[in-house]
């Protein structure tokens, strides 16, 4: 799947059961591998500690490997 990063921001994220997860606010990239790793529903630059970052990644993000499709919405599987 190939998509421009700017097309992801603001899109609603839903799981396979149709449950709303949130809106895409940030994208974590692995620059060594050249691929996306996670989509977060919170802006990471507003977090002030490593603990906040860790909690946000656990509770407010999805692994990019779970993304099944991106069109009007982002659909993620299990």
N, C-alpha and C. Protein backbone atom coordinates (compact mmCIF):
# COMPACT_ATOMS: atom_id res chain seq x y z
N UNK A 1 0.85 -1.16 0.00
CA UNK A 1 0.00 0.00 0.00
C UNK A 1 0.90 1.23 0.00
N UNK A 2 0.65 2.12 -0.91
CA UNK A 2 1.42 3.35 -1.02
C UNK A 2 0.49 4.54 -0.87
N UNK A 3 0.85 5.46 0.04
CA UNK A 3 0.03 6.65 0.29
C UNK A 3 0.94 7.76 0.79
N UNK A 4 0.59 8.98 0.49
CA UNK A 4 1.36 10.11 1.01
C UNK A 4 1.01 10.33 2.48
N UNK A 5 2.01 10.66 3.27
CA UNK A 5 1.81 10.86 4.71
C UNK A 5 0.73 11.91 4.97
N UNK A 6 0.74 12.98 4.22
CA UNK A 6 -0.22 14.06 4.45
C UNK A 6 -1.67 13.61 4.27
N UNK A 7 -1.89 12.53 3.54
CA UNK A 7 -3.25 12.02 3.33
C UNK A 7 -3.80 11.29 4.56
N UNK A 8 -2.94 10.92 5.48
CA UNK A 8 -3.35 10.15 6.66
C UNK A 8 -3.91 11.04 7.76
N UNK A 9 -3.32 12.21 7.94
CA UNK A 9 -3.70 13.09 9.05
C UNK A 9 -5.17 13.48 9.01
N UNK A 10 -5.83 13.34 10.17
CA UNK A 10 -7.23 13.74 10.29
C UNK A 10 -8.23 12.67 9.89
N UNK A 11 -7.77 11.60 9.28
CA UNK A 11 -8.70 10.53 8.89
C UNK A 11 -9.17 9.78 10.13
N UNK A 12 -10.44 9.38 10.11
CA UNK A 12 -10.99 8.59 11.20
C UNK A 12 -10.48 7.15 11.09
N UNK A 13 -10.19 6.56 12.26
CA UNK A 13 -9.68 5.19 12.31
C UNK A 13 -10.77 4.31 12.92
N UNK A 14 -11.08 3.20 12.24
CA UNK A 14 -12.07 2.23 12.71
C UNK A 14 -11.46 0.84 12.71
N UNK A 15 -11.93 0.01 13.65
CA UNK A 15 -11.48 -1.39 13.63
C UNK A 15 -12.42 -2.21 12.75
N UNK A 16 -12.12 -3.48 12.59
CA UNK A 16 -12.87 -4.36 11.69
C UNK A 16 -14.33 -4.53 12.10
N UNK A 17 -14.65 -4.28 13.38
CA UNK A 17 -16.02 -4.39 13.86
C UNK A 17 -16.79 -3.07 13.73
N UNK A 18 -16.13 -2.06 13.19
CA UNK A 18 -16.77 -0.77 12.99
C UNK A 18 -16.67 0.16 14.18
N UNK A 19 -15.87 -0.20 15.18
CA UNK A 19 -15.70 0.65 16.35
C UNK A 19 -14.73 1.78 16.05
N UNK A 20 -15.14 3.00 16.39
CA UNK A 20 -14.32 4.18 16.18
C UNK A 20 -13.16 4.16 17.16
N UNK A 21 -11.94 4.33 16.66
CA UNK A 21 -10.74 4.35 17.49
C UNK A 21 -10.30 5.79 17.75
N UNK A 22 -10.37 6.63 16.75
CA UNK A 22 -9.97 8.03 16.89
C UNK A 22 -9.58 8.59 15.54
N UNK A 23 -9.02 9.80 15.54
CA UNK A 23 -8.54 10.44 14.32
C UNK A 23 -7.02 10.38 14.29
N UNK A 24 -6.48 10.15 13.12
CA UNK A 24 -5.02 10.08 12.96
C UNK A 24 -4.42 11.46 13.17
N UNK A 25 -3.53 11.57 14.17
CA UNK A 25 -2.88 12.85 14.47
C UNK A 25 -1.38 12.84 14.27
N UNK A 26 -0.78 11.68 14.39
CA UNK A 26 0.67 11.59 14.22
C UNK A 26 1.02 10.23 13.63
N UNK A 27 2.16 10.18 13.00
CA UNK A 27 2.63 8.96 12.37
C UNK A 27 4.07 8.74 12.82
N UNK A 28 4.37 7.54 13.27
CA UNK A 28 5.74 7.23 13.68
C UNK A 28 6.38 6.44 12.55
N UNK A 29 7.54 6.92 12.11
CA UNK A 29 8.25 6.30 11.00
C UNK A 29 9.54 5.66 11.49
N UNK A 30 9.90 4.53 10.90
CA UNK A 30 11.21 3.91 11.12
C UNK A 30 12.06 4.34 9.94
N UNK A 31 12.95 5.29 10.18
CA UNK A 31 13.73 5.84 9.08
C UNK A 31 14.79 4.87 8.56
N UNK A 32 15.22 3.93 9.41
CA UNK A 32 16.19 2.93 8.94
C UNK A 32 15.53 1.92 8.01
N UNK A 33 14.31 1.52 8.34
CA UNK A 33 13.58 0.55 7.53
C UNK A 33 12.81 1.24 6.39
N UNK A 34 12.56 2.53 6.55
CA UNK A 34 11.83 3.27 5.53
C UNK A 34 10.35 2.92 5.49
N UNK A 35 9.75 2.73 6.69
CA UNK A 35 8.34 2.38 6.73
C UNK A 35 7.65 2.99 7.94
N UNK A 36 6.32 3.06 7.85
CA UNK A 36 5.51 3.54 8.96
C UNK A 36 5.42 2.45 10.02
N UNK A 37 5.40 2.87 11.29
CA UNK A 37 5.34 1.91 12.40
C UNK A 37 4.01 2.01 13.15
N UNK A 38 3.59 3.23 13.47
CA UNK A 38 2.36 3.44 14.23
C UNK A 38 1.64 4.69 13.76
N UNK A 39 0.31 4.67 13.93
CA UNK A 39 -0.52 5.86 13.76
C UNK A 39 -1.08 6.17 15.14
N UNK A 40 -0.91 7.42 15.58
CA UNK A 40 -1.42 7.80 16.90
C UNK A 40 -2.65 8.69 16.77
N UNK A 41 -3.47 8.67 17.81
CA UNK A 41 -4.66 9.52 17.83
C UNK A 41 -4.43 10.77 18.69
N UNK A 42 -3.20 10.94 19.14
CA UNK A 42 -2.81 12.15 19.88
C UNK A 42 -1.53 12.71 19.27
N UNK A 43 -1.37 14.02 19.39
CA UNK A 43 -0.15 14.65 18.91
C UNK A 43 1.00 14.36 19.87
N UNK A 44 2.04 13.75 19.39
CA UNK A 44 3.14 13.35 20.25
C UNK A 44 3.97 14.52 20.74
N UNK A 45 4.04 15.60 19.97
CA UNK A 45 4.88 16.73 20.38
C UNK A 45 4.32 17.49 21.58
N UNK A 46 3.10 17.17 22.01
CA UNK A 46 2.51 17.83 23.17
C UNK A 46 2.77 17.07 24.47
N UNK A 47 3.40 15.90 24.37
CA UNK A 47 3.67 15.10 25.55
C UNK A 47 4.96 15.57 26.21
N UNK A 48 4.98 15.54 27.54
CA UNK A 48 6.13 16.14 28.24
C UNK A 48 7.06 15.12 28.90
N UNK A 49 6.70 13.84 28.90
CA UNK A 49 7.57 12.87 29.56
C UNK A 49 7.58 11.55 28.81
N UNK A 50 8.60 10.74 29.08
CA UNK A 50 8.68 9.42 28.47
C UNK A 50 7.51 8.54 28.91
N UNK A 51 7.06 8.73 30.15
CA UNK A 51 5.93 7.95 30.66
C UNK A 51 4.66 8.29 29.88
N UNK A 52 4.42 9.57 29.63
CA UNK A 52 3.27 9.99 28.84
C UNK A 52 3.35 9.41 27.43
N UNK A 53 4.53 9.44 26.85
CA UNK A 53 4.72 8.88 25.52
C UNK A 53 4.42 7.39 25.51
N UNK A 54 4.94 6.68 26.49
CA UNK A 54 4.72 5.24 26.58
C UNK A 54 3.23 4.91 26.73
N UNK A 55 2.53 5.64 27.60
CA UNK A 55 1.10 5.42 27.80
C UNK A 55 0.31 5.74 26.54
N UNK A 56 0.67 6.82 25.87
CA UNK A 56 -0.02 7.20 24.64
C UNK A 56 0.15 6.14 23.56
N UNK A 57 1.37 5.64 23.42
CA UNK A 57 1.61 4.62 22.40
C UNK A 57 0.82 3.35 22.71
N UNK A 58 0.66 3.03 23.98
CA UNK A 58 -0.09 1.85 24.38
C UNK A 58 -1.59 2.02 24.18
N UNK A 59 -2.11 3.18 24.57
CA UNK A 59 -3.55 3.38 24.64
C UNK A 59 -4.13 4.14 23.45
N UNK A 60 -3.33 4.91 22.75
CA UNK A 60 -3.87 5.81 21.72
C UNK A 60 -3.15 5.70 20.39
N UNK A 61 -2.79 4.48 20.03
CA UNK A 61 -2.15 4.29 18.73
C UNK A 61 -2.44 2.88 18.22
N UNK A 62 -2.24 2.72 16.93
CA UNK A 62 -2.38 1.39 16.32
C UNK A 62 -1.11 1.11 15.52
N UNK A 63 -0.72 -0.14 15.52
CA UNK A 63 0.42 -0.54 14.70
C UNK A 63 0.06 -0.39 13.23
N UNK A 64 0.95 0.16 12.46
CA UNK A 64 0.68 0.35 11.04
C UNK A 64 0.51 -0.99 10.32
N UNK A 65 1.14 -2.03 10.83
CA UNK A 65 0.98 -3.37 10.24
C UNK A 65 -0.46 -3.86 10.30
N UNK A 66 -1.26 -3.30 11.21
CA UNK A 66 -2.67 -3.70 11.34
C UNK A 66 -3.58 -2.98 10.34
N UNK A 67 -3.06 -1.96 9.66
CA UNK A 67 -3.87 -1.20 8.70
C UNK A 67 -4.19 -2.08 7.51
N UNK A 68 -5.50 -2.23 7.27
CA UNK A 68 -5.95 -3.03 6.13
C UNK A 68 -6.23 -2.18 4.90
N UNK A 69 -6.72 -0.96 5.12
CA UNK A 69 -6.95 -0.07 3.99
C UNK A 69 -7.04 1.37 4.47
N UNK A 70 -6.73 2.27 3.54
CA UNK A 70 -6.85 3.70 3.78
C UNK A 70 -7.57 4.29 2.58
N UNK A 71 -8.74 4.86 2.84
CA UNK A 71 -9.47 5.57 1.78
C UNK A 71 -10.10 6.78 2.47
N UNK A 72 -11.42 6.83 2.58
CA UNK A 72 -12.06 7.92 3.32
C UNK A 72 -11.80 7.77 4.81
N UNK A 73 -11.57 6.52 5.24
CA UNK A 73 -11.25 6.21 6.63
C UNK A 73 -10.04 5.28 6.63
N UNK A 74 -9.51 5.05 7.83
CA UNK A 74 -8.44 4.06 8.01
C UNK A 74 -9.07 2.86 8.70
N UNK A 75 -8.96 1.71 8.07
CA UNK A 75 -9.54 0.48 8.61
C UNK A 75 -8.41 -0.40 9.12
N UNK A 76 -8.50 -0.80 10.41
CA UNK A 76 -7.47 -1.65 10.99
C UNK A 76 -8.06 -2.98 11.41
N UNK A 77 -7.28 -4.03 11.26
CA UNK A 77 -7.67 -5.36 11.70
C UNK A 77 -7.13 -5.63 13.08
N UNK A 78 -7.20 -6.86 13.46
CA UNK A 78 -6.72 -7.26 14.81
C UNK A 78 -5.24 -7.37 14.87
